[in-house]
C-alpha atoms as a PDB file:
ATOM      1  CA  MET A   1     -36.041  37.610  11.944  1.00  0.00           C
ATOM      2  CA  ILE A   2     -34.572  34.569  13.673  1.00  0.00           C
ATOM      3  CA  LEU A   3     -36.750  31.437  13.915  1.00  0.00           C
ATOM      4  CA  PRO A   4     -36.242  28.196  15.818  1.00  0.00           C
ATOM      5  CA  ARG A   5     -35.704  25.234  13.519  1.00  0.00           C
ATOM      6  CA  LEU A   6     -38.901  23.574  14.739  1.00  0.00           C
ATOM      7  CA  ILE A   7     -42.203  25.455  14.518  1.00  0.00           C
ATOM      8  CA  GLY A   8     -45.362  24.011  16.046  1.00  0.00           C
ATOM      9  CA  MET A   9     -48.922  24.419  14.778  1.00  0.00           C
ATOM     10  CA  VAL A  10     -51.885  25.894  16.614  1.00  0.00           C
ATOM     11  CA  HIS A  11     -54.889  24.734  14.591  1.00  0.00           C
ATOM     12  CA  LEU A  12     -57.812  26.952  15.567  1.00  0.00           C
ATOM     13  CA  GLY A  13     -61.272  25.496  15.928  1.00  0.00           C
ATOM     14  CA  SER A  14     -64.099  26.819  13.772  1.00  0.00           C
ATOM     15  CA  LEU A  15     -64.367  30.602  13.929  1.00  0.00           C
ATOM     16  CA  PRO A  16     -67.471  32.824  13.751  1.00  0.00           C
ATOM     17  CA  GLY A  17     -69.235  32.524  10.410  1.00  0.00           C
ATOM     18  CA  SER A  18     -67.748  29.150   9.481  1.00  0.00           C
ATOM     19  CA  PRO A  19     -70.016  26.077   9.209  1.00  0.00           C
ATOM     20  CA  GLY A  20     -68.602  24.360  12.292  1.00  0.00           C
ATOM     21  CA  TYR A  21     -68.684  27.332  14.659  1.00  0.00           C
ATOM     22  CA  ARG A  22     -70.342  26.520  17.998  1.00  0.00           C
ATOM     23  CA  ASN A  23     -71.073  30.053  19.200  1.00  0.00           C
ATOM     24  CA  ASP A  24     -68.248  30.138  21.729  1.00  0.00           C
ATOM     25  CA  LEU A  25     -65.215  32.066  20.535  1.00  0.00           C
ATOM     26  CA  GLN A  26     -63.700  32.107  24.012  1.00  0.00           C
ATOM     27  CA  ALA A  27     -63.559  28.291  23.944  1.00  0.00           C
ATOM     28  CA  VAL A  28     -61.644  28.442  20.640  1.00  0.00           C
ATOM     29  CA  VAL A  29     -59.194  30.973  22.081  1.00  0.00           C
ATOM     30  CA  ASP A  30     -58.764  28.961  25.294  1.00  0.00           C
ATOM     31  CA  ALA A  31     -57.994  25.812  23.280  1.00  0.00           C
ATOM     32  CA  ALA A  32     -55.457  27.714  21.176  1.00  0.00           C
ATOM     33  CA  GLU A  33     -53.722  29.010  24.289  1.00  0.00           C
ATOM     34  CA  ALA A  34     -53.659  25.514  25.809  1.00  0.00           C
ATOM     35  CA  ASP A  35     -52.082  24.063  22.664  1.00  0.00           C
ATOM     36  CA  ALA A  36     -49.489  26.837  22.510  1.00  0.00           C
ATOM     37  CA  VAL A  37     -48.589  26.407  26.194  1.00  0.00           C
ATOM     38  CA  ALA A  38     -48.232  22.640  25.702  1.00  0.00           C
ATOM     39  CA  LEU A  39     -45.927  23.211  22.734  1.00  0.00           C
ATOM     40  CA  ALA A  40     -43.880  25.749  24.688  1.00  0.00           C
ATOM     41  CA  ASP A  41     -43.581  23.371  27.642  1.00  0.00           C
ATOM     42  CA  ALA A  42     -42.373  20.643  25.266  1.00  0.00           C
ATOM     43  CA  GLY A  43     -39.591  22.888  23.979  1.00  0.00           C
ATOM     44  CA  PHE A  44     -41.040  24.560  20.900  1.00  0.00           C
ATOM     45  CA  GLU A  45     -40.097  28.221  20.627  1.00  0.00           C
ATOM     46  CA  ALA A  46     -42.347  29.234  17.717  1.00  0.00           C
ATOM     47  CA  VAL A  47     -45.854  28.465  16.488  1.00  0.00           C
ATOM     48  CA  ILE A  48     -48.080  29.265  13.533  1.00  0.00           C
ATOM     49  CA  VAL A  49     -51.711  30.065  14.279  1.00  0.00           C
ATOM     50  CA  GLU A  50     -54.021  28.910  11.481  1.00  0.00           C
ATOM     51  CA  ASN A  51     -57.814  28.913  10.940  1.00  0.00           C
ATOM     52  CA  TYR A  52     -57.763  25.166  10.308  1.00  0.00           C
ATOM     53  CA  GLY A  53     -61.331  24.634  11.503  1.00  0.00           C
ATOM     54  CA  ASP A  54     -62.899  26.972   8.940  1.00  0.00           C
ATOM     55  CA  ALA A  55     -63.151  24.498   6.045  1.00  0.00           C
ATOM     56  CA  PRO A  56     -64.411  24.801   3.395  1.00  0.00           C
ATOM     57  CA  PHE A  57     -62.116  27.767   2.867  1.00  0.00           C
ATOM     58  CA  PHE A  58     -62.428  30.970   0.910  1.00  0.00           C
ATOM     59  CA  ALA A  59     -59.742  31.154  -1.759  1.00  0.00           C
ATOM     60  CA  ASP A  60     -58.113  34.476  -0.915  1.00  0.00           C
ATOM     61  CA  ASP A  61     -60.525  36.883   0.790  1.00  0.00           C
ATOM     62  CA  VAL A  62     -61.839  35.779   4.176  1.00  0.00           C
ATOM     63  CA  PRO A  63     -64.717  37.587   5.937  1.00  0.00           C
ATOM     64  CA  ASN A  64     -64.009  40.407   8.377  1.00  0.00           C
ATOM     65  CA  ALA A  65     -65.262  38.217  11.216  1.00  0.00           C
ATOM     66  CA  THR A  66     -62.459  35.737  10.520  1.00  0.00           C
ATOM     67  CA  VAL A  67     -59.825  38.463  10.642  1.00  0.00           C
ATOM     68  CA  ALA A  68     -61.207  39.789  13.924  1.00  0.00           C
ATOM     69  CA  ALA A  69     -61.384  36.346  15.549  1.00  0.00           C
ATOM     70  CA  MET A  70     -57.889  35.392  14.400  1.00  0.00           C
ATOM     71  CA  THR A  71     -56.486  38.672  15.696  1.00  0.00           C
ATOM     72  CA  ARG A  72     -57.912  37.842  19.106  1.00  0.00           C
ATOM     73  CA  ALA A  73     -56.538  34.286  19.021  1.00  0.00           C
ATOM     74  CA  VAL A  74     -53.065  35.244  17.764  1.00  0.00           C
ATOM     75  CA  GLY A  75     -52.806  37.982  20.382  1.00  0.00           C
ATOM     76  CA  ALA A  76     -53.818  35.581  23.135  1.00  0.00           C
ATOM     77  CA  VAL A  77     -51.301  32.929  22.045  1.00  0.00           C
ATOM     78  CA  SER A  78     -48.481  35.435  21.824  1.00  0.00           C
ATOM     79  CA  GLU A  79     -49.257  37.094  25.161  1.00  0.00           C
ATOM     80  CA  SER A  80     -49.727  33.853  27.077  1.00  0.00           C
ATOM     81  CA  THR A  81     -46.587  32.095  25.855  1.00  0.00           C
ATOM     82  CA  GLY A  82     -44.084  34.634  24.568  1.00  0.00           C
ATOM     83  CA  LEU A  83     -43.393  32.302  21.650  1.00  0.00           C
ATOM     84  CA  ALA A  84     -42.393  33.641  18.246  1.00  0.00           C
ATOM     85  CA  THR A  85     -45.732  33.611  16.444  1.00  0.00           C
ATOM     86  CA  GLY A  86     -46.715  33.283  12.796  1.00  0.00           C
ATOM     87  CA  VAL A  87     -50.067  33.693  11.053  1.00  0.00           C
ATOM     88  CA  ASN A  88     -51.592  31.653   8.224  1.00  0.00           C
ATOM     89  CA  VAL A  89     -55.037  32.706   6.986  1.00  0.00           C
ATOM     90  CA  LEU A  90     -56.458  29.862   4.929  1.00  0.00           C
ATOM     91  CA  ARG A  91     -56.760  29.416   2.169  1.00  0.00           C
ATOM     92  CA  ASN A  92     -54.563  32.212   0.902  1.00  0.00           C
ATOM     93  CA  ASP A  93     -55.469  35.577   2.406  1.00  0.00           C
ATOM     94  CA  ALA A  94     -51.985  36.988   2.864  1.00  0.00           C
ATOM     95  CA  SER A  95     -53.325  40.541   3.174  1.00  0.00           C
ATOM     96  CA  ALA A  96     -55.368  39.496   6.206  1.00  0.00           C
ATOM     97  CA  ALA A  97     -52.382  37.640   7.654  1.00  0.00           C
ATOM     98  CA  LEU A  98     -50.217  40.746   7.389  1.00  0.00           C
ATOM     99  CA  ALA A  99     -52.916  42.888   8.984  1.00  0.00           C
ATOM    100  CA  ILE A 100     -53.207  40.429  11.879  1.00  0.00           C
ATOM    101  CA  ALA A 101     -49.429  40.346  12.272  1.00  0.00           C
ATOM    102  CA  ALA A 102     -49.265  44.142  12.314  1.00  0.00           C
ATOM    103  CA  ALA A 103     -51.982  44.311  14.992  1.00  0.00           C
ATOM    104  CA  THR A 104     -50.576  41.582  17.246  1.00  0.00           C
ATOM    105  CA  GLY A 105     -46.823  41.852  16.800  1.00  0.00           C
ATOM    106  CA  ALA A 106     -46.548  38.442  15.140  1.00  0.00           C
ATOM    107  CA  GLY A 107     -43.165  37.940  13.540  1.00  0.00           C
ATOM    108  CA  PHE A 108     -44.014  36.135  10.325  1.00  0.00           C
ATOM    109  CA  VAL A 109     -46.801  35.023   8.010  1.00  0.00           C
ATOM    110  CA  ARG A 110     -47.168  31.876   5.953  1.00  0.00           C
ATOM    111  CA  VAL A 111     -48.498  32.349   2.421  1.00  0.00           C
ATOM    112  CA  ASN A 112     -49.674  29.242   0.577  1.00  0.00           C
ATOM    113  CA  VAL A 113     -49.556  30.772  -2.932  1.00  0.00           C
ATOM    114  CA  LEU A 114     -47.362  33.871  -3.025  1.00  0.00           C
ATOM    115  CA  SER A 115     -46.597  33.829  -6.742  1.00  0.00           C
ATOM    116  CA  GLY A 116     -47.726  31.834  -9.767  1.00  0.00           C
ATOM    117  CA  THR A 117     -50.897  29.755  -9.913  1.00  0.00           C
ATOM    118  CA  MET A 118     -51.925  26.585  -8.103  1.00  0.00           C
ATOM    119  CA  TYR A 119     -55.035  24.508  -8.775  1.00  0.00           C
ATOM    120  CA  THR A 120     -56.766  23.797  -5.484  1.00  0.00           C
ATOM    121  CA  ASP A 121     -60.043  22.607  -4.035  1.00  0.00           C
ATOM    122  CA  GLN A 122     -60.982  26.301  -3.904  1.00  0.00           C
ATOM    123  CA  GLY A 123     -60.330  26.598  -7.647  1.00  0.00           C
ATOM    124  CA  PRO A 124     -57.301  28.257  -9.252  1.00  0.00           C
ATOM    125  CA  ILE A 125     -55.461  30.492  -6.793  1.00  0.00           C
ATOM    126  CA  VAL A 126     -53.212  33.171  -8.255  1.00  0.00           C
ATOM    127  CA  GLY A 127     -50.416  34.623  -6.149  1.00  0.00           C
ATOM    128  CA  ARG A 128     -50.350  38.359  -5.509  1.00  0.00           C
ATOM    129  CA  ALA A 129     -46.706  38.885  -4.620  1.00  0.00           C
ATOM    130  CA  ALA A 130     -46.582  42.498  -5.826  1.00  0.00           C
ATOM    131  CA  GLU A 131     -49.574  43.462  -3.692  1.00  0.00           C
ATOM    132  CA  ILE A 132     -48.281  41.572  -0.653  1.00  0.00           C
ATOM    133  CA  ALA A 133     -44.788  43.075  -0.852  1.00  0.00           C
ATOM    134  CA  ARG A 134     -46.201  46.590  -0.923  1.00  0.00           C
ATOM    135  CA  LEU A 135     -48.679  45.934   1.878  1.00  0.00           C
ATOM    136  CA  ARG A 136     -45.933  44.513   4.055  1.00  0.00           C
ATOM    137  CA  ARG A 137     -43.832  47.603   3.388  1.00  0.00           C
ATOM    138  CA  GLN A 138     -46.761  49.768   4.443  1.00  0.00           C
ATOM    139  CA  LEU A 139     -47.981  47.851   7.515  1.00  0.00           C
ATOM    140  CA  CYS A 140     -45.193  45.767   9.001  1.00  0.00           C
ATOM    141  CA  PRO A 141     -41.857  45.745   7.142  1.00  0.00           C
ATOM    142  CA  GLU A 142     -40.248  43.673   9.905  1.00  0.00           C
ATOM    143  CA  VAL A 143     -42.645  40.715   9.373  1.00  0.00           C
ATOM    144  CA  ALA A 144     -41.124  37.801   7.441  1.00  0.00           C
ATOM    145  CA  ILE A 145     -42.916  36.030   4.588  1.00  0.00           C
ATOM    146  CA  VAL A 146     -42.682  32.233   4.629  1.00  0.00           C
ATOM    147  CA  ALA A 147     -44.021  30.985   1.300  1.00  0.00           C
ATOM    148  CA  ASP A 148     -45.051  27.529   0.125  1.00  0.00           C
ATOM    149  CA  VAL A 149     -43.731  26.087  -3.106  1.00  0.00           C
ATOM    150  CA  PHE A 150     -46.088  23.546  -4.733  1.00  0.00           C
ATOM    151  CA  VAL A 151     -48.333  23.917  -1.703  1.00  0.00           C
ATOM    152  CA  LYS A 152     -50.180  20.860  -0.341  1.00  0.00           C
ATOM    153  CA  HIS A 153     -53.782  20.132  -1.311  1.00  0.00           C
ATOM    154  CA  ALA A 154     -53.025  21.580  -4.746  1.00  0.00           C
ATOM    155  CA  THR A 155     -51.663  20.809  -8.206  1.00  0.00           C
ATOM    156  CA  ALA A 156     -49.032  22.835 -10.041  1.00  0.00           C
ATOM    157  CA  PRO A 157     -49.447  23.962 -13.665  1.00  0.00           C
ATOM    158  CA  PRO A 158     -48.172  21.419 -16.234  1.00  0.00           C
ATOM    159  CA  GLY A 159     -44.504  21.857 -17.081  1.00  0.00           C
ATOM    160  CA  LEU A 160     -43.549  23.941 -14.051  1.00  0.00           C
ATOM    161  CA  THR A 161     -40.721  22.428 -12.024  1.00  0.00           C
ATOM    162  CA  ILE A 162     -40.446  22.834  -8.286  1.00  0.00           C
ATOM    163  CA  GLU A 163     -36.983  24.343  -8.726  1.00  0.00           C
ATOM    164  CA  ASN A 164     -38.234  27.094 -11.043  1.00  0.00           C
ATOM    165  CA  ALA A 165     -41.208  27.804  -8.795  1.00  0.00           C
ATOM    166  CA  ALA A 166     -38.855  28.108  -5.811  1.00  0.00           C
ATOM    167  CA  ARG A 167     -36.537  30.436  -7.739  1.00  0.00           C
ATOM    168  CA  ASP A 168     -39.463  32.680  -8.595  1.00  0.00           C
ATOM    169  CA  LEU A 169     -40.425  32.880  -4.925  1.00  0.00           C
ATOM    170  CA  ALA A 170     -36.870  33.676  -3.879  1.00  0.00           C
ATOM    171  CA  GLU A 171     -35.818  36.004  -6.675  1.00  0.00           C
ATOM    172  CA  ARG A 172     -39.067  37.673  -7.763  1.00  0.00           C
ATOM    173  CA  GLY A 173     -41.750  36.995  -5.158  1.00  0.00           C
ATOM    174  CA  GLY A 174     -40.253  38.524  -2.025  1.00  0.00           C
ATOM    175  CA  ALA A 175     -40.203  35.347   0.074  1.00  0.00           C
ATOM    176  CA  ASP A 176     -37.900  35.196   3.094  1.00  0.00           C
ATOM    177  CA  ALA A 177     -38.165  31.398   3.438  1.00  0.00           C
ATOM    178  CA  VAL A 178     -39.735  28.601   1.389  1.00  0.00           C
ATOM    179  CA  VAL A 179     -41.826  25.629   2.558  1.00  0.00           C
ATOM    180  CA  VAL A 180     -41.824  22.197   0.890  1.00  0.00           C
ATOM    181  CA  SER A 181     -44.721  19.892   1.830  1.00  0.00           C
ATOM    182  CA  GLY A 182     -46.300  16.593   0.932  1.00  0.00           C
ATOM    183  CA  THR A 183     -49.602  16.303  -0.887  1.00  0.00           C
ATOM    184  CA  GLY A 184     -51.755  17.016   2.173  1.00  0.00           C
ATOM    185  CA  THR A 185     -51.844  17.770   5.882  1.00  0.00           C
ATOM    186  CA  GLY A 186     -49.681  15.295   7.776  1.00  0.00           C
ATOM    187  CA  ARG A 187     -48.556  13.495   4.635  1.00  0.00           C
ATOM    188  CA  PRO A 188     -44.840  12.795   4.113  1.00  0.00           C
ATOM    189  CA  LEU A 189     -42.945  15.118   1.827  1.00  0.00           C
ATOM    190  CA  ASP A 190     -40.717  13.970  -1.013  1.00  0.00           C
ATOM    191  CA  LEU A 191     -37.124  14.193   0.227  1.00  0.00           C
ATOM    192  CA  ASP A 192     -35.884  14.477  -3.338  1.00  0.00           C
ATOM    193  CA  GLU A 193     -38.014  17.587  -3.822  1.00  0.00           C
ATOM    194  CA  LEU A 194     -36.645  18.996  -0.581  1.00  0.00           C
ATOM    195  CA  ILE A 195     -33.082  18.416  -1.773  1.00  0.00           C
ATOM    196  CA  ARG A 196     -33.810  19.994  -5.160  1.00  0.00           C
ATOM    197  CA  VAL A 197     -35.328  23.120  -3.643  1.00  0.00           C
ATOM    198  CA  ARG A 198     -32.431  23.542  -1.232  1.00  0.00           C
ATOM    199  CA  ALA A 199     -30.017  23.324  -4.139  1.00  0.00           C
ATOM    200  CA  ALA A 200     -32.009  25.806  -6.227  1.00  0.00           C
ATOM    201  CA  ILE A 201     -32.266  28.769  -3.858  1.00  0.00           C
ATOM    202  CA  ASP A 202     -30.238  30.621  -1.269  1.00  0.00           C
ATOM    203  CA  LEU A 203     -33.006  30.946   1.316  1.00  0.00           C
ATOM    204  CA  PRO A 204     -34.039  28.890   4.334  1.00  0.00           C
ATOM    205  CA  VAL A 205     -36.133  25.887   3.259  1.00  0.00           C
ATOM    206  CA  LEU A 206     -38.628  24.431   5.731  1.00  0.00           C
ATOM    207  CA  ALA A 207     -40.304  21.034   5.662  1.00  0.00           C
ATOM    208  CA  GLY A 208     -44.038  21.657   5.873  1.00  0.00           C
ATOM    209  CA  SER A 209     -45.793  18.334   6.447  1.00  0.00           C
ATOM    210  CA  GLY A 210     -45.293  14.741   7.480  1.00  0.00           C
ATOM    211  CA  VAL A 211     -42.529  15.426  10.011  1.00  0.00           C
ATOM    212  CA  THR A 212     -42.623  12.834  12.816  1.00  0.00           C
ATOM    213  CA  SER A 213     -40.378  11.705  15.649  1.00  0.00           C
ATOM    214  CA  GLU A 214     -39.149   8.949  13.331  1.00  0.00           C
ATOM    215  CA  THR A 215     -38.322  11.260  10.419  1.00  0.00           C
ATOM    216  CA  VAL A 216     -37.423  14.604  11.987  1.00  0.00           C
ATOM    217  CA  ALA A 217     -33.682  13.994  12.320  1.00  0.00           C
ATOM    218  CA  GLU A 218     -33.312  12.927   8.680  1.00  0.00           C
ATOM    219  CA  ILE A 219     -35.468  15.813   7.435  1.00  0.00           C
ATOM    220  CA  LEU A 220     -33.489  18.355   9.448  1.00  0.00           C
ATOM    221  CA  SER A 221     -30.270  16.993   7.984  1.00  0.00           C
ATOM    222  CA  ILE A 222     -31.599  18.378   4.678  1.00  0.00           C
ATOM    223  CA  ALA A 223     -34.003  21.205   5.552  1.00  0.00           C
ATOM    224  CA  THR A 224     -33.078  24.310   7.502  1.00  0.00           C
ATOM    225  CA  GLY A 225     -36.206  23.901   9.605  1.00  0.00           C
ATOM    226  CA  ALA A 226     -39.598  22.238   9.878  1.00  0.00           C
ATOM    227  CA  ILE A 227     -43.223  23.084  10.629  1.00  0.00           C
ATOM    228  CA  VAL A 228     -44.830  20.329  12.693  1.00  0.00           C
ATOM    229  CA  GLY A 229     -48.542  19.898  13.299  1.00  0.00           C
ATOM    230  CA  SER A 230     -50.182  16.476  13.215  1.00  0.00           C
ATOM    231  CA  ALA A 231     -47.260  14.661  14.845  1.00  0.00           C
ATOM    232  CA  THR A 232     -47.672  16.701  18.040  1.00  0.00           C
ATOM    233  CA  LYS A 233     -51.418  16.042  18.368  1.00  0.00           C
ATOM    234  CA  VAL A 234     -53.391  13.335  20.156  1.00  0.00           C
ATOM    235  CA  ASP A 235     -53.379  10.226  17.936  1.00  0.00           C
ATOM    236  CA  GLY A 236     -51.606  12.244  15.231  1.00  0.00           C
ATOM    237  CA  ILE A 237     -54.845  13.996  14.228  1.00  0.00           C
ATOM    238  CA  ALA A 238     -54.379  17.631  13.173  1.00  0.00           C
ATOM    239  CA  ALA A 239     -57.676  18.820  14.661  1.00  0.00           C
ATOM    240  CA  ALA A 240     -56.997  17.182  18.042  1.00  0.00           C
ATOM    241  CA  PRO A 241     -55.349  18.934  21.004  1.00  0.00           C
ATOM    242  CA  VAL A 242     -51.585  18.901  21.431  1.00  0.00           C
ATOM    243  CA  ASP A 243     -50.305  15.763  23.154  1.00  0.00           C
ATOM    244  CA  PRO A 244     -47.508  16.933  25.504  1.00  0.00           C
ATOM    245  CA  ILE A 245     -45.732  13.575  25.341  1.00  0.00           C
ATOM    246  CA  ARG A 246     -45.744  13.426  21.543  1.00  0.00           C
ATOM    247  CA  ALA A 247     -44.582  17.040  21.324  1.00  0.00           C
ATOM    248  CA  ALA A 248     -41.722  16.503  23.762  1.00  0.00           C
ATOM    249  CA  SER A 249     -40.718  13.274  22.013  1.00  0.00           C
ATOM    250  CA  LEU A 250     -40.435  15.103  18.717  1.00  0.00           C
ATOM    251  CA  ILE A 251     -38.211  17.789  20.221  1.00  0.00           C
ATOM    252  CA  ALA A 252     -36.014  15.101  21.761  1.00  0.00           C
ATOM    253  CA  ALA A 253     -35.787  13.163  18.495  1.00  0.00           C
ATOM    254  CA  ALA A 254     -34.733  16.294  16.639  1.00  0.00           C
ATOM    255  CA  GLY A 255     -31.795  16.842  18.974  1.00  0.00           C
ATOM    256  CA  ILE A 256     -31.535  20.521  18.071  1.00  0.00           C
ATOM    257  CA  GLU A 257     -32.494  22.425  21.213  1.00  0.00           C
ATOM    258  CA  GLY A 258     -31.447  26.048  20.958  1.00  0.00           C
ATOM    259  CA  THR A 259     -30.657  26.019  17.223  1.00  0.00           C
ATOM    260  CA  ARG A 260     -32.232  28.792  15.165  1.00  0.00           C
ATOM    261  CA  VAL A 261     -32.578  29.889  11.543  1.00  0.00           C
ATOM    262  CA  GLU A 262     -31.864  33.496  10.610  1.00  0.00           C
ATOM    263  CA  LEU A 263     -34.173  34.831   7.909  1.00  0.00           C
ATOM    264  CA  PRO A 264     -33.005  37.564   5.514  1.00  0.00           C
END
């Protein structure tokens, strides 16, 4: 699969069954479409659709209602914009993400913990790379797996280096690209960690948080791509709607219109 170097975020509002749901799924889908259209108009050519509004999250097995609602939202975003579309089912339900991708034609999934263990606010999450690789083969072999290394909102096991974790993802976990993030949503990443991961593996490496109009050019001089969420939103707040001016400013600051990353 070939991805643009900048990928925008569509943060879904609360879905059916989650504490914040307001009994209007169509409103959630309409907001997702509006955000995706605003990102497309600004120059983004790919987005990830994520159930951001469902906190607190299940660790790795979301309810069926979440899968159904996300399938509807991902399909609507893809059909209304034609953008390359990815799926991230929080906190770490990669099986659901693959099922949604297979049903909607999404091109890639993001997996927060593909291999190894990370200690999170949902408790320890253990990657299931073997299961995910086989499910992908069965359902949607053309869908790419974009995997986080030392994912945000989590702590790595003592003694594990980010380089070794990235090598495991690349060489043993079945990842097609690796994401390096800061400690939380919208927080700056460590450029040294980004450099170390790029040196350690022969896969595309994406910046996964804290990318702004002020930092995007420097980050893209190191990373092969970036996922951008908060910086495109009103007042820089992840849960807010996309701000067309902020989104367009980020594309302009990147100076990379038309450049893409080819995944294995």
